[in-house]
Amino acid sequence: MAISKRWKEPEKRYREWFKSKTGFSLGEVQFVKVEDDLWVTNLIGQHKINKDEMGNAPIRYEAISKGLEKVAQFASENGATVHMPRIGCGLAGGTWDKIEPLIKSALAEKNIEVTVYDF
């Protein structure tokens, strides 16, 4: 939500991407340039927005991992650092003890500087 208040384009592009269905699938990412040296990444890491009939959260850890690998490649190619909230731990229903190792594996262990913000 805070990102949408500061920059409108990432949410706009996400909604267009969702409506188009082109490449919109679990584990995919979309990079949106918001300033000369700043990008926002939309990462598809959950299926739907509510628990399913079996009580399973919408988070898909494999999709988060796949998306983070793409973020790592982008960061590496562009000499970028990565800043993010505790992704997947809000409405998606994920747990940090499962997300943090994915971030370490995809980014930190590849010497990509990562800062995680806890809001």
Protein backbone atom coordinates (compact mmCIF):
# COMPACT_ATOMS: atom_id res chain seq x y z
CA MET A 1 0.00 0.00 0.00
CA ALA A 2 2.79 2.46 0.85
CA ILE A 3 4.32 1.97 -2.58
CA SER A 4 1.01 2.74 -4.29
CA LYS A 5 0.74 5.98 -2.34
CA ARG A 6 4.17 7.10 -3.48
CA TRP A 7 4.16 5.79 -7.06
CA LYS A 8 0.98 4.97 -9.00
CA GLU A 9 2.64 3.17 -11.90
CA PRO A 10 3.50 -0.19 -10.23
CA GLU A 11 -0.11 -0.85 -9.21
CA LYS A 12 -1.41 0.37 -12.56
CA ARG A 13 0.97 -1.93 -14.43
CA TYR A 14 0.12 -4.85 -12.14
CA ARG A 15 -3.61 -4.43 -12.81
CA GLU A 16 -3.00 -4.21 -16.56
CA TRP A 17 -0.82 -7.32 -16.39
CA PHE A 18 -3.49 -9.22 -14.45
CA LYS A 19 -6.23 -8.24 -16.91
CA SER A 20 -4.12 -9.14 -19.94
CA LYS A 21 -3.23 -12.59 -18.52
CA THR A 22 -0.07 -12.41 -20.65
CA GLY A 23 2.69 -14.01 -18.62
CA PHE A 24 0.69 -13.55 -15.42
CA SER A 25 1.43 -16.74 -13.52
CA LEU A 26 2.97 -17.96 -10.29
CA GLY A 27 6.66 -17.13 -10.01
CA GLU A 28 6.62 -14.43 -12.66
CA VAL A 29 7.83 -10.90 -12.03
CA GLN A 30 7.28 -7.49 -13.52
CA PHE A 31 9.84 -4.70 -13.14
CA VAL A 32 8.44 -1.16 -13.15
CA LYS A 33 10.81 1.80 -13.33
CA VAL A 34 9.63 4.55 -10.96
CA GLU A 35 12.73 6.77 -10.89
CA ASP A 36 16.00 6.96 -12.81
CA ASP A 37 17.69 4.45 -10.52
CA LEU A 38 14.73 2.83 -8.79
CA TRP A 39 12.54 -0.08 -9.82
CA VAL A 40 9.55 -1.71 -8.13
CA THR A 41 9.01 -5.42 -8.68
CA ASN A 42 5.60 -7.07 -8.81
CA LEU A 43 6.08 -10.77 -7.96
CA ILE A 44 3.28 -13.33 -8.30
CA GLY A 45 3.76 -15.47 -5.21
CA GLN A 46 0.27 -16.45 -4.16
CA HIS A 47 -2.80 -18.10 -5.64
CA LYS A 48 -5.96 -16.06 -5.01
CA ILE A 49 -6.32 -13.95 -1.86
CA ASN A 50 -8.09 -16.13 0.69
CA LYS A 51 -7.52 -19.54 2.22
CA ASP A 52 -8.93 -22.38 0.15
CA GLU A 53 -11.68 -24.73 1.30
CA MET A 54 -9.05 -26.90 3.02
CA GLY A 55 -7.75 -23.91 5.01
CA ASN A 56 -4.51 -23.56 3.06
CA ALA A 57 -3.06 -20.07 2.78
CA PRO A 58 -2.70 -18.55 -0.71
CA ILE A 59 1.13 -18.33 -0.42
CA ARG A 60 3.10 -20.47 -2.86
CA TYR A 61 6.67 -20.75 -1.60
CA GLU A 62 7.95 -22.28 -4.84
CA ALA A 63 6.58 -19.26 -6.73
CA ILE A 64 8.27 -16.88 -4.29
CA SER A 65 11.56 -18.72 -4.80
CA LYS A 66 11.23 -18.65 -8.59
CA GLY A 67 10.39 -14.94 -8.56
CA LEU A 68 13.27 -14.11 -6.24
CA GLU A 69 15.67 -15.87 -8.63
CA LYS A 70 14.46 -13.49 -11.36
CA VAL A 71 14.90 -10.53 -9.02
CA ALA A 72 18.44 -11.74 -8.30
CA GLN A 73 19.26 -11.93 -11.99
CA PHE A 74 17.90 -8.42 -12.57
CA ALA A 75 19.79 -7.03 -9.56
CA SER A 76 23.01 -8.69 -10.65
CA GLU A 77 22.74 -7.43 -14.22
CA ASN A 78 21.97 -3.89 -13.03
CA GLY A 79 24.27 -3.65 -10.00
CA ALA A 80 21.22 -3.11 -7.82
CA THR A 81 20.47 -3.68 -4.18
CA VAL A 82 17.14 -5.13 -3.10
CA HIS A 83 14.83 -3.55 -0.54
CA MET A 84 11.58 -5.24 0.43
CA PRO A 85 9.05 -5.76 3.19
CA ARG A 86 8.56 -9.21 4.68
CA ILE A 87 7.00 -10.47 1.47
CA GLY A 88 4.42 -13.21 1.66
CA CYS A 89 3.81 -12.79 5.40
CA GLY A 90 0.71 -10.63 5.32
CA LEU A 91 -2.46 -11.47 3.45
CA ALA A 92 -0.71 -14.30 1.60
CA GLY A 93 -0.45 -16.18 4.89
CA GLY A 94 3.20 -17.15 4.65
CA THR A 95 5.59 -17.46 7.56
CA TRP A 96 8.91 -15.66 7.84
CA ASP A 97 10.75 -18.83 8.89
CA LYS A 98 9.98 -20.22 5.41
CA ILE A 99 10.43 -16.97 3.44
CA GLU A 100 13.74 -15.83 4.92
CA PRO A 101 15.72 -18.88 3.70
CA LEU A 102 14.34 -18.30 0.20
CA ILE A 103 15.64 -14.73 0.26
CA LYS A 104 19.02 -15.84 1.58
CA SER A 105 19.34 -18.54 -1.08
CA ALA A 106 18.18 -16.45 -4.03
CA LEU A 107 19.82 -13.14 -3.12
CA ALA A 108 22.14 -12.91 -0.12
CA GLU A 109 24.17 -16.01 -0.97
CA LYS A 110 24.76 -14.50 -4.41
CA ASN A 111 26.24 -11.38 -2.80
CA ILE A 112 23.24 -9.23 -3.61
CA GLU A 113 22.70 -6.71 -0.84
CA VAL A 114 19.24 -7.15 0.67
CA THR A 115 17.41 -4.98 3.18
CA VAL A 116 14.15 -6.29 4.62
CA TYR A 117 11.83 -3.82 6.31
CA ASP A 118 9.50 -4.91 9.08
CA PHE A 119 6.42 -2.69 9.03
